[in-house]
Amino acid sequence: NRPEVDTTKSTVPVIYRFIDGKAVATPVSIGASDMTHTVIRSGLAAGDVIITGPYKVLESLKDGQKLKREEASTSKPSTAPSTAPSTSPSSQPSAAPATAGSR
């Protein structure tokens, strides 16, 4: 039993991690959010590689789906927590490591 899973609710927020070439649905606890950012309170560890991309692509992801890793392009490395969408123009999901503040 994961503390991020509330068994009294019919849905659970998840983030897809990239593990061994596959998408792995991972339950998370979320905090404050706005139109483009959401605080992940628990469920991830620093260094976990998460999958980002356009909503229409992410909506169709399935647990265990095979993926090819594509690095998200950034102008400069950041150590600040972020769930900003990938800046990659690709319509494919991409994988990015979680930062220390994403736990």
PDB file of N, CA and C in Angstrom:
ATOM      1  N   ASN A   1       0.829  -1.195   0.000  1.00  0.00           N
ATOM      2  CA  ASN A   1       0.000   0.000   0.000  1.00  0.00           C
ATOM      3  C   ASN A   1       0.865   1.248   0.000  1.00  0.00           C
ATOM      4  N   ARG A   2       0.652   2.106  -0.965  1.00  0.00           N
ATOM      5  CA  ARG A   2       1.403   3.363  -1.060  1.00  0.00           C
ATOM      6  C   ARG A   2       0.602   4.460  -0.384  1.00  0.00           C
ATOM      7  N   PRO A   3       1.265   5.332   0.379  1.00  0.00           N
ATOM      8  CA  PRO A   3       0.541   6.418   1.037  1.00  0.00           C
ATOM      9  C   PRO A   3      -0.079   7.398   0.045  1.00  0.00           C
ATOM     10  N   GLU A   4       0.391   7.422  -1.201  1.00  0.00           N
ATOM     11  CA  GLU A   4      -0.143   8.329  -2.212  1.00  0.00           C
ATOM     12  C   GLU A   4      -1.499   7.865  -2.752  1.00  0.00           C
ATOM     13  N   VAL A   5      -1.884   6.621  -2.465  1.00  0.00           N
ATOM     14  CA  VAL A   5      -3.132   6.068  -2.975  1.00  0.00           C
ATOM     15  C   VAL A   5      -4.213   6.187  -1.915  1.00  0.00           C
ATOM     16  N   ASP A   6      -5.231   7.010  -2.199  1.00  0.00           N
ATOM     17  CA  ASP A   6      -6.377   7.176  -1.311  1.00  0.00           C
ATOM     18  C   ASP A   6      -7.443   6.190  -1.769  1.00  0.00           C
ATOM     19  N   THR A   7      -7.632   5.112  -1.019  1.00  0.00           N
ATOM     20  CA  THR A   7      -8.554   4.050  -1.431  1.00  0.00           C
ATOM     21  C   THR A   7     -10.014   4.470  -1.361  1.00  0.00           C
ATOM     22  N   THR A   8     -10.298   5.646  -0.808  1.00  0.00           N
ATOM     23  CA  THR A   8     -11.682   6.128  -0.763  1.00  0.00           C
ATOM     24  C   THR A   8     -12.060   6.866  -2.040  1.00  0.00           C
ATOM     25  N   LYS A   9     -11.119   7.092  -2.936  1.00  0.00           N
ATOM     26  CA  LYS A   9     -11.384   7.812  -4.187  1.00  0.00           C
ATOM     27  C   LYS A   9     -11.327   6.863  -5.375  1.00  0.00           C
ATOM     28  N   SER A  10     -12.054   7.233  -6.439  1.00  0.00           N
ATOM     29  CA  SER A  10     -12.100   6.363  -7.616  1.00  0.00           C
ATOM     30  C   SER A  10     -10.953   6.615  -8.593  1.00  0.00           C
ATOM     31  N   THR A  11     -10.248   7.739  -8.445  1.00  0.00           N
ATOM     32  CA  THR A  11      -9.089   8.012  -9.294  1.00  0.00           C
ATOM     33  C   THR A  11      -7.883   8.360  -8.431  1.00  0.00           C
ATOM     34  N   VAL A  12      -6.713   8.145  -8.994  1.00  0.00           N
ATOM     35  CA  VAL A  12      -5.461   8.413  -8.288  1.00  0.00           C
ATOM     36  C   VAL A  12      -4.554   9.191  -9.227  1.00  0.00           C
ATOM     37  N   PRO A  13      -3.974  10.336  -8.780  1.00  0.00           N
ATOM     38  CA  PRO A  13      -3.036  11.038  -9.656  1.00  0.00           C
ATOM     39  C   PRO A  13      -1.766  10.209  -9.842  1.00  0.00           C
ATOM     40  N   VAL A  14      -1.303  10.120 -11.083  1.00  0.00           N
ATOM     41  CA  VAL A  14      -0.080   9.372 -11.380  1.00  0.00           C
ATOM     42  C   VAL A  14       0.844  10.210 -12.251  1.00  0.00           C
ATOM     43  N   ILE A  15       2.111   9.869 -12.175  1.00  0.00           N
ATOM     44  CA  ILE A  15       3.128  10.373 -13.091  1.00  0.00           C
ATOM     45  C   ILE A  15       3.732   9.135 -13.726  1.00  0.00           C
ATOM     46  N   TYR A  16       4.015   9.229 -15.011  1.00  0.00           N
ATOM     47  CA  TYR A  16       4.683   8.108 -15.675  1.00  0.00           C
ATOM     48  C   TYR A  16       6.184   8.284 -15.548  1.00  0.00           C
ATOM     49  N   ARG A  17       6.838   7.242 -14.992  1.00  0.00           N
ATOM     50  CA  ARG A  17       8.296   7.203 -14.941  1.00  0.00           C
ATOM     51  C   ARG A  17       8.772   6.365 -16.114  1.00  0.00           C
ATOM     52  N   PHE A  18       9.997   6.643 -16.555  1.00  0.00           N
ATOM     53  CA  PHE A  18      10.626   5.902 -17.643  1.00  0.00           C
ATOM     54  C   PHE A  18      11.587   4.907 -17.018  1.00  0.00           C
ATOM     55  N   ILE A  19      11.236   3.615 -17.081  1.00  0.00           N
ATOM     56  CA  ILE A  19      12.065   2.567 -16.474  1.00  0.00           C
ATOM     57  C   ILE A  19      12.263   1.444 -17.490  1.00  0.00           C
ATOM     58  N   ASP A  20      13.527   1.137 -17.791  1.00  0.00           N
ATOM     59  CA  ASP A  20      13.878   0.040 -18.709  1.00  0.00           C
ATOM     60  C   ASP A  20      13.112   0.121 -20.029  1.00  0.00           C
ATOM     61  N   GLY A  21      12.990   1.344 -20.578  1.00  0.00           N
ATOM     62  CA  GLY A  21      12.358   1.522 -21.874  1.00  0.00           C
ATOM     63  C   GLY A  21      10.838   1.474 -21.860  1.00  0.00           C
ATOM     64  N   LYS A  22      10.242   1.524 -20.666  1.00  0.00           N
ATOM     65  CA  LYS A  22       8.787   1.448 -20.573  1.00  0.00           C
ATOM     66  C   LYS A  22       8.235   2.570 -19.694  1.00  0.00           C
ATOM     67  N   ALA A  23       6.973   2.915 -19.944  1.00  0.00           N
ATOM     68  CA  ALA A  23       6.245   3.871 -19.104  1.00  0.00           C
ATOM     69  C   ALA A  23       5.710   3.110 -17.900  1.00  0.00           C
ATOM     70  N   VAL A  24       5.986   3.620 -16.692  1.00  0.00           N
ATOM     71  CA  VAL A  24       5.507   2.982 -15.474  1.00  0.00           C
ATOM     72  C   VAL A  24       4.658   3.989 -14.707  1.00  0.00           C
ATOM     73  N   ALA A  25       3.352   3.704 -14.592  1.00  0.00           N
ATOM     74  CA  ALA A  25       2.448   4.593 -13.855  1.00  0.00           C
ATOM     75  C   ALA A  25       2.820   4.556 -12.381  1.00  0.00           C
ATOM     76  N   THR A  26       3.043   5.739 -11.805  1.00  0.00           N
ATOM     77  CA  THR A  26       3.484   5.851 -10.412  1.00  0.00           C
ATOM     78  C   THR A  26       2.540   6.783  -9.664  1.00  0.00           C
ATOM     79  N   PRO A  27       1.812   6.273  -8.663  1.00  0.00           N
ATOM     80  CA  PRO A  27       0.928   7.138  -7.877  1.00  0.00           C
ATOM     81  C   PRO A  27       1.738   8.212  -7.149  1.00  0.00           C
ATOM     82  N   VAL A  28       1.208   9.439  -7.133  1.00  0.00           N
ATOM     83  CA  VAL A  28       1.866  10.548  -6.455  1.00  0.00           C
ATOM     84  C   VAL A  28       0.845  11.324  -5.631  1.00  0.00           C
ATOM     85  N   SER A  29       1.366  12.068  -4.670  1.00  0.00           N
ATOM     86  CA  SER A  29       0.560  13.008  -3.908  1.00  0.00           C
ATOM     87  C   SER A  29       0.893  14.391  -4.443  1.00  0.00           C
ATOM     88  N   ILE A  30      -0.142  15.141  -4.845  1.00  0.00           N
ATOM     89  CA  ILE A  30       0.106  16.450  -5.431  1.00  0.00           C
ATOM     90  C   ILE A  30      -0.270  17.561  -4.471  1.00  0.00           C
ATOM     91  N   GLY A  31       0.373  18.708  -4.656  1.00  0.00           N
ATOM     92  CA  GLY A  31       0.105  19.884  -3.846  1.00  0.00           C
ATOM     93  C   GLY A  31      -0.455  20.988  -4.705  1.00  0.00           C
ATOM     94  N   ALA A  32      -0.035  22.201  -4.426  1.00  0.00           N
ATOM     95  CA  ALA A  32      -0.523  23.374  -5.148  1.00  0.00           C
ATOM     96  C   ALA A  32      -0.201  23.273  -6.637  1.00  0.00           C
ATOM     97  N   SER A  33      -1.076  23.872  -7.454  1.00  0.00           N
ATOM     98  CA  SER A  33      -0.823  23.897  -8.893  1.00  0.00           C
ATOM     99  C   SER A  33      -1.441  25.137  -9.516  1.00  0.00           C
ATOM    100  N   ASP A  34      -0.956  25.446 -10.717  1.00  0.00           N
ATOM    101  CA  ASP A  34      -1.548  26.506 -11.524  1.00  0.00           C
ATOM    102  C   ASP A  34      -1.740  25.929 -12.923  1.00  0.00           C
ATOM    103  N   MET A  35      -1.873  26.763 -13.918  1.00  0.00           N
ATOM    104  CA  MET A  35      -2.151  26.272 -15.269  1.00  0.00           C
ATOM    105  C   MET A  35      -1.014  25.452 -15.873  1.00  0.00           C
ATOM    106  N   THR A  36       0.221  25.645 -15.423  1.00  0.00           N
ATOM    107  CA  THR A  36       1.354  24.954 -16.046  1.00  0.00           C
ATOM    108  C   THR A  36       2.255  24.193 -15.083  1.00  0.00           C
ATOM    109  N   HIS A  37       2.074  24.338 -13.789  1.00  0.00           N
ATOM    110  CA  HIS A  37       2.962  23.703 -12.817  1.00  0.00           C
ATOM    111  C   HIS A  37       2.155  23.026 -11.707  1.00  0.00           C
ATOM    112  N   THR A  38       2.665  21.910 -11.228  1.00  0.00           N
ATOM    113  CA  THR A  38       2.063  21.198 -10.104  1.00  0.00           C
ATOM    114  C   THR A  38       3.171  20.735  -9.176  1.00  0.00           C
ATOM    115  N   VAL A  39       2.982  20.932  -7.878  1.00  0.00           N
ATOM    116  CA  VAL A  39       3.943  20.468  -6.885  1.00  0.00           C
ATOM    117  C   VAL A  39       3.671  18.993  -6.609  1.00  0.00           C
ATOM    118  N   ILE A  40       4.720  18.167  -6.729  1.00  0.00           N
ATOM    119  CA  ILE A  40       4.626  16.744  -6.403  1.00  0.00           C
ATOM    120  C   ILE A  40       5.152  16.595  -4.978  1.00  0.00           C
ATOM    121  N   ARG A  41       4.271  16.249  -4.040  1.00  0.00           N
ATOM    122  CA  ARG A  41       4.652  16.182  -2.628  1.00  0.00           C
ATOM    123  C   ARG A  41       5.327  14.861  -2.269  1.00  0.00           C
ATOM    124  N   SER A  42       4.892  13.780  -2.878  1.00  0.00           N
ATOM    125  CA  SER A  42       5.529  12.485  -2.608  1.00  0.00           C
ATOM    126  C   SER A  42       5.221  11.521  -3.745  1.00  0.00           C
ATOM    127  N   GLY A  43       5.999  10.458  -3.797  1.00  0.00           N
ATOM    128  CA  GLY A  43       5.812   9.434  -4.813  1.00  0.00           C
ATOM    129  C   GLY A  43       6.978   9.324  -5.785  1.00  0.00           C
ATOM    130  N   LEU A  44       7.824  10.363  -5.830  1.00  0.00           N
ATOM    131  CA  LEU A  44       9.007  10.355  -6.689  1.00  0.00           C
ATOM    132  C   LEU A  44      10.254  10.528  -5.842  1.00  0.00           C
ATOM    133  N   ALA A  45      11.364  10.055  -6.361  1.00  0.00           N
ATOM    134  CA  ALA A  45      12.662  10.254  -5.716  1.00  0.00           C
ATOM    135  C   ALA A  45      13.535  11.095  -6.636  1.00  0.00           C
ATOM    136  N   ALA A  46      14.478  11.798  -6.062  1.00  0.00           N
ATOM    137  CA  ALA A  46      15.422  12.579  -6.862  1.00  0.00           C
ATOM    138  C   ALA A  46      16.084  11.650  -7.874  1.00  0.00           C
ATOM    139  N   GLY A  47      16.137  12.087  -9.118  1.00  0.00           N
ATOM    140  CA  GLY A  47      16.766  11.286 -10.160  1.00  0.00           C
ATOM    141  C   GLY A  47      15.807  10.386 -10.918  1.00  0.00           C
ATOM    142  N   ASP A  48      14.562  10.190 -10.432  1.00  0.00           N
ATOM    143  CA  ASP A  48      13.590   9.420 -11.202  1.00  0.00           C
ATOM    144  C   ASP A  48      13.402  10.103 -12.548  1.00  0.00           C
ATOM    145  N   VAL A  49      13.358   9.335 -13.608  1.00  0.00           N
ATOM    146  CA  VAL A  49      13.153   9.894 -14.930  1.00  0.00           C
ATOM    147  C   VAL A  49      11.652   9.874 -15.208  1.00  0.00           C
ATOM    148  N   ILE A  50      11.075  11.060 -15.432  1.00  0.00           N
ATOM    149  CA  ILE A  50       9.643  11.163 -15.664  1.00  0.00           C
ATOM    150  C   ILE A  50       9.361  11.465 -17.131  1.00  0.00           C
ATOM    151  N   ILE A  51       8.171  11.123 -17.574  1.00  0.00           N
ATOM    152  CA  ILE A  51       7.794  11.312 -18.969  1.00  0.00           C
ATOM    153  C   ILE A  51       6.976  12.592 -19.083  1.00  0.00           C
ATOM    154  N   THR A  52       7.368  13.452 -20.015  1.00  0.00           N
ATOM    155  CA  THR A  52       6.661  14.709 -20.273  1.00  0.00           C
ATOM    156  C   THR A  52       6.297  14.778 -21.746  1.00  0.00           C
ATOM    157  N   GLY A  53       5.355  15.622 -22.063  1.00  0.00           N
ATOM    158  CA  GLY A  53       4.986  15.806 -23.453  1.00  0.00           C
ATOM    159  C   GLY A  53       3.637  16.459 -23.574  1.00  0.00           C
ATOM    160  N   PRO A  54       3.140  16.602 -24.794  1.00  0.00           N
ATOM    161  CA  PRO A  54       1.830  17.209 -25.019  1.00  0.00           C
ATOM    162  C   PRO A  54       0.721  16.369 -24.374  1.00  0.00           C
ATOM    163  N   TYR A  55      -0.304  17.039 -23.870  1.00  0.00           N
ATOM    164  CA  TYR A  55      -1.405  16.357 -23.183  1.00  0.00           C
ATOM    165  C   TYR A  55      -2.006  15.233 -24.025  1.00  0.00           C
ATOM    166  N   LYS A  56      -2.251  15.499 -25.297  1.00  0.00           N
ATOM    167  CA  LYS A  56      -2.882  14.487 -26.150  1.00  0.00           C
ATOM    168  C   LYS A  56      -2.056  13.212 -26.241  1.00  0.00           C
ATOM    169  N   VAL A  57      -0.734  13.352 -26.186  1.00  0.00           N
ATOM    170  CA  VAL A  57       0.143  12.180 -26.236  1.00  0.00           C
ATOM    171  C   VAL A  57       0.150  11.481 -24.876  1.00  0.00           C
ATOM    172  N   LEU A  58       0.270  12.254 -23.802  1.00  0.00           N
ATOM    173  CA  LEU A  58       0.326  11.665 -22.462  1.00  0.00           C
ATOM    174  C   LEU A  58      -0.973  10.954 -22.102  1.00  0.00           C
ATOM    175  N   GLU A  59      -2.095  11.494 -22.552  1.00  0.00           N
ATOM    176  CA  GLU A  59      -3.398  10.905 -22.257  1.00  0.00           C
ATOM    177  C   GLU A  59      -3.511   9.478 -22.780  1.00  0.00           C
ATOM    178  N   SER A  60      -2.795   9.177 -23.864  1.00  0.00           N
ATOM    179  CA  SER A  60      -2.885   7.847 -24.465  1.00  0.00           C
ATOM    180  C   SER A  60      -1.856   6.855 -23.911  1.00  0.00           C
ATOM    181  N   LEU A  61      -0.966   7.304 -23.019  1.00  0.00           N
ATOM    182  CA  LEU A  61       0.042   6.394 -22.452  1.00  0.00           C
ATOM    183  C   LEU A  61      -0.611   5.291 -21.635  1.00  0.00           C
ATOM    184  N   LYS A  62      -0.016   4.127 -21.676  1.00  0.00           N
ATOM    185  CA  LYS A  62      -0.468   2.979 -20.900  1.00  0.00           C
ATOM    186  C   LYS A  62       0.681   2.464 -20.047  1.00  0.00           C
ATOM    187  N   ASP A  63       0.367   1.965 -18.856  1.00  0.00           N
ATOM    188  CA  ASP A  63       1.376   1.375 -17.994  1.00  0.00           C
ATOM    189  C   ASP A  63       2.032   0.208 -18.728  1.00  0.00           C
ATOM    190  N   GLY A  64       3.355   0.203 -18.771  1.00  0.00           N
ATOM    191  CA  GLY A  64       4.087  -0.866 -19.441  1.00  0.00           C
ATOM    192  C   GLY A  64       4.343  -0.624 -20.918  1.00  0.00           C
ATOM    193  N   GLN A  65       3.819   0.484 -21.464  1.00  0.00           N
ATOM    194  CA  GLN A  65       4.017   0.800 -22.883  1.00  0.00           C
ATOM    195  C   GLN A  65       5.492   1.044 -23.161  1.00  0.00           C
ATOM    196  N   LYS A  66       6.006   0.439 -24.236  1.00  0.00           N
ATOM    197  CA  LYS A  66       7.404   0.638 -24.612  1.00  0.00           C
ATOM    198  C   LYS A  66       7.574   2.013 -25.237  1.00  0.00           C
ATOM    199  N   LEU A  67       8.661   2.693 -24.845  1.00  0.00           N
ATOM    200  CA  LEU A  67       8.967   4.031 -25.350  1.00  0.00           C
ATOM    201  C   LEU A  67      10.442   4.136 -25.681  1.00  0.00           C
ATOM    202  N   LYS A  68      10.763   5.101 -26.519  1.00  0.00           N
ATOM    203  CA  LYS A  68      12.155   5.423 -26.818  1.00  0.00           C
ATOM    204  C   LYS A  68      12.485   6.719 -26.104  1.00  0.00           C
ATOM    205  N   ARG A  69      13.589   6.755 -25.375  1.00  0.00           N
ATOM    206  CA  ARG A  69      13.963   7.944 -24.617  1.00  0.00           C
ATOM    207  C   ARG A  69      14.399   9.069 -25.551  1.00  0.00           C
ATOM    208  N   GLU A  70      13.845  10.238 -25.312  1.00  0.00           N
ATOM    209  CA  GLU A  70      14.191  11.441 -26.057  1.00  0.00           C
ATOM    210  C   GLU A  70      14.463  12.527 -25.029  1.00  0.00           C
ATOM    211  N   GLU A  71      15.666  13.061 -25.036  1.00  0.00           N
ATOM    212  CA  GLU A  71      16.011  14.100 -24.065  1.00  0.00           C
ATOM    213  C   GLU A  71      15.250  15.383 -24.370  1.00  0.00           C
ATOM    214  N   ALA A  72      14.693  15.998 -23.331  1.00  0.00           N
ATOM    215  CA  ALA A  72      14.020  17.293 -23.488  1.00  0.00           C
ATOM    216  C   ALA A  72      15.089  18.362 -23.655  1.00  0.00           C
ATOM    217  N   SER A  73      14.864  19.285 -24.583  1.00  0.00           N
ATOM    218  CA  SER A  73      15.844  20.349 -24.776  1.00  0.00           C
ATOM    219  C   SER A  73      15.572  21.483 -23.799  1.00  0.00           C
ATOM    220  N   THR A  74      16.627  21.994 -23.190  1.00  0.00           N
ATOM    221  CA  THR A  74      16.503  23.117 -22.263  1.00  0.00           C
ATOM    222  C   THR A  74      17.599  24.116 -22.570  1.00  0.00           C
ATOM    223  N   SER A  75      17.357  25.372 -22.241  1.00  0.00           N
ATOM    224  CA  SER A  75      18.366  26.390 -22.515  1.00  0.00           C
ATOM    225  C   SER A  75      19.504  26.330 -21.509  1.00  0.00           C
ATOM    226  N   LYS A  76      19.205  25.949 -20.252  1.00  0.00           N
ATOM    227  CA  LYS A  76      20.250  25.790 -19.252  1.00  0.00           C
ATOM    228  C   LYS A  76      19.768  24.814 -18.187  1.00  0.00           C
ATOM    229  N   PRO A  77      20.673  24.063 -17.572  1.00  0.00           N
ATOM    230  CA  PRO A  77      20.269  23.131 -16.530  1.00  0.00           C
ATOM    231  C   PRO A  77      19.706  23.882 -15.327  1.00  0.00           C
ATOM    232  N   SER A  78      18.751  23.256 -14.655  1.00  0.00           N
ATOM    233  CA  SER A  78      18.147  23.873 -13.480  1.00  0.00           C
ATOM    234  C   SER A  78      18.099  22.871 -12.346  1.00  0.00           C
ATOM    235  N   THR A  79      18.332  23.344 -11.131  1.00  0.00           N
ATOM    236  CA  THR A  79      18.204  22.471  -9.971  1.00  0.00           C
ATOM    237  C   THR A  79      16.900  22.755  -9.231  1.00  0.00           C
ATOM    238  N   ALA A  80      16.115  23.719  -9.724  1.00  0.00           N
ATOM    239  CA  ALA A  80      14.842  24.057  -9.097  1.00  0.00           C
ATOM    240  C   ALA A  80      13.786  23.029  -9.482  1.00  0.00           C
ATOM    241  N   PRO A  81      12.851  22.728  -8.564  1.00  0.00           N
ATOM    242  CA  PRO A  81      11.785  21.796  -8.904  1.00  0.00           C
ATOM    243  C   PRO A  81      10.963  22.336 -10.063  1.00  0.00           C
ATOM    244  N   SER A  82      10.577  21.465 -10.961  1.00  0.00           N
ATOM    245  CA  SER A  82       9.783  21.922 -12.089  1.00  0.00           C
ATOM    246  C   SER A  82       8.971  20.789 -12.666  1.00  0.00           C
ATOM    247  N   THR A  83       7.770  21.090 -13.052  1.00  0.00           N
ATOM    248  CA  THR A  83       6.963  20.155 -13.817  1.00  0.00           C
ATOM    249  C   THR A  83       6.551  20.826 -15.119  1.00  0.00           C
ATOM    250  N   ALA A  84       7.366  21.793 -15.557  1.00  0.00           N
ATOM    251  CA  ALA A  84       7.075  22.517 -16.791  1.00  0.00           C
ATOM    252  C   ALA A  84       7.048  21.551 -17.954  1.00  0.00           C
ATOM    253  N   PRO A  85       6.189  21.800 -18.941  1.00  0.00           N
ATOM    254  CA  PRO A  85       6.135  20.911 -20.095  1.00  0.00           C
ATOM    255  C   PRO A  85       7.442  20.926 -20.871  1.00  0.00           C
ATOM    256  N   SER A  86       7.695  19.866 -21.555  1.00  0.00           N
ATOM    257  CA  SER A  86       8.889  19.763 -22.386  1.00  0.00           C
ATOM    258  C   SER A  86       8.905  20.881 -23.416  1.00  0.00           C
ATOM    259  N   THR A  87      10.091  21.420 -23.681  1.00  0.00           N
ATOM    260  CA  THR A  87      10.214  22.433 -24.715  1.00  0.00           C
ATOM    261  C   THR A  87      10.469  21.793 -26.070  1.00  0.00           C
ATOM    262  N   SER A  88      10.499  20.473 -26.090  1.00  0.00           N
ATOM    263  CA  SER A  88      10.710  19.758 -27.345  1.00  0.00           C
ATOM    264  C   SER A  88       9.493  19.910 -28.247  1.00  0.00           C
ATOM    265  N   PRO A  89       9.693  20.247 -29.530  1.00  0.00           N
ATOM    266  CA  PRO A  89       8.559  20.400 -30.438  1.00  0.00           C
ATOM    267  C   PRO A  89       7.962  19.066 -30.867  1.00  0.00           C
ATOM    268  N   SER A  90       8.555  17.989 -30.461  1.00  0.00           N
ATOM    269  CA  SER A  90       8.110  16.667 -30.852  1.00  0.00           C
ATOM    270  C   SER A  90       6.719  16.369 -30.309  1.00  0.00           C
ATOM    271  N   SER A  91       5.957  15.564 -31.034  1.00  0.00           N
ATOM    272  CA  SER A  91       4.648  15.143 -30.554  1.00  0.00           C
ATOM    273  C   SER A  91       4.760  13.835 -29.783  1.00  0.00           C
ATOM    274  N   GLN A  92       5.987  13.389 -29.542  1.00  0.00           N
ATOM    275  CA  GLN A  92       6.234  12.179 -28.776  1.00  0.00           C
ATOM    276  C   GLN A  92       6.563  12.549 -27.338  1.00  0.00           C
ATOM    277  N   PRO A  93       6.235  11.671 -26.371  1.00  0.00           N
ATOM    278  CA  PRO A  93       6.629  11.960 -24.993  1.00  0.00           C
ATOM    279  C   PRO A  93       8.135  11.915 -24.855  1.00  0.00           C
ATOM    280  N   SER A  94       8.681  12.673 -23.923  1.00  0.00           N
ATOM    281  CA  SER A  94      10.113  12.634 -23.660  1.00  0.00           C
ATOM    282  C   SER A  94      10.330  12.376 -22.191  1.00  0.00           C
ATOM    283  N   ALA A  95      11.522  11.964 -21.823  1.00  0.00           N
ATOM    284  CA  ALA A  95      11.831  11.628 -20.438  1.00  0.00           C
ATOM    285  C   ALA A  95      12.792  12.645 -19.859  1.00  0.00           C
ATOM    286  N   ALA A  96      12.563  13.036 -18.605  1.00  0.00           N
ATOM    287  CA  ALA A  96      13.427  14.001 -17.919  1.00  0.00           C
ATOM    288  C   ALA A  96      13.590  13.553 -16.481  1.00  0.00           C
ATOM    289  N   PRO A  97      14.800  13.738 -15.894  1.00  0.00           N
ATOM    290  CA  PRO A  97      14.986  13.323 -14.503  1.00  0.00           C
ATOM    291  C   PRO A  97      14.232  14.247 -13.554  1.00  0.00           C
ATOM    292  N   ALA A  98      13.671  13.644 -12.501  1.00  0.00           N
ATOM    293  CA  ALA A  98      13.016  14.421 -11.441  1.00  0.00           C
ATOM    294  C   ALA A  98      14.088  15.146 -10.638  1.00  0.00           C
ATOM    295  N   THR A  99      13.775  16.328 -10.124  1.00  0.00           N
ATOM    296  CA  THR A  99      14.734  17.059  -9.317  1.00  0.00           C
ATOM    297  C   THR A  99      14.511  16.776  -7.847  1.00  0.00           C
ATOM    298  N   ALA A 100      15.451  17.171  -7.014  1.00  0.00           N
ATOM    299  CA  ALA A 100      15.383  16.880  -5.578  1.00  0.00           C
ATOM    300  C   ALA A 100      14.108  17.407  -4.944  1.00  0.00           C
ATOM    301  N   GLY A 101      13.561  18.500  -5.427  1.00  0.00           N
ATOM    302  CA  GLY A 101      12.363  19.063  -4.845  1.00  0.00           C
ATOM    303  C   GLY A 101      11.083  18.369  -5.290  1.00  0.00           C
ATOM    304  N   SER A 102      11.186  17.314  -6.085  1.00  0.00           N
ATOM    305  CA  SER A 102      10.002  16.655  -6.637  1.00  0.00           C
ATOM    306  C   SER A 102       9.519  15.483  -5.821  1.00  0.00           C
ATOM    307  N   ARG A 103      10.018  15.289  -4.644  1.00  0.00           N
ATOM    308  CA  ARG A 103       9.603  14.129  -3.861  1.00  0.00           C
ATOM    309  C   ARG A 103       8.270  14.355  -3.192  1.00  0.00           C
TER     310      ARG A 103
END
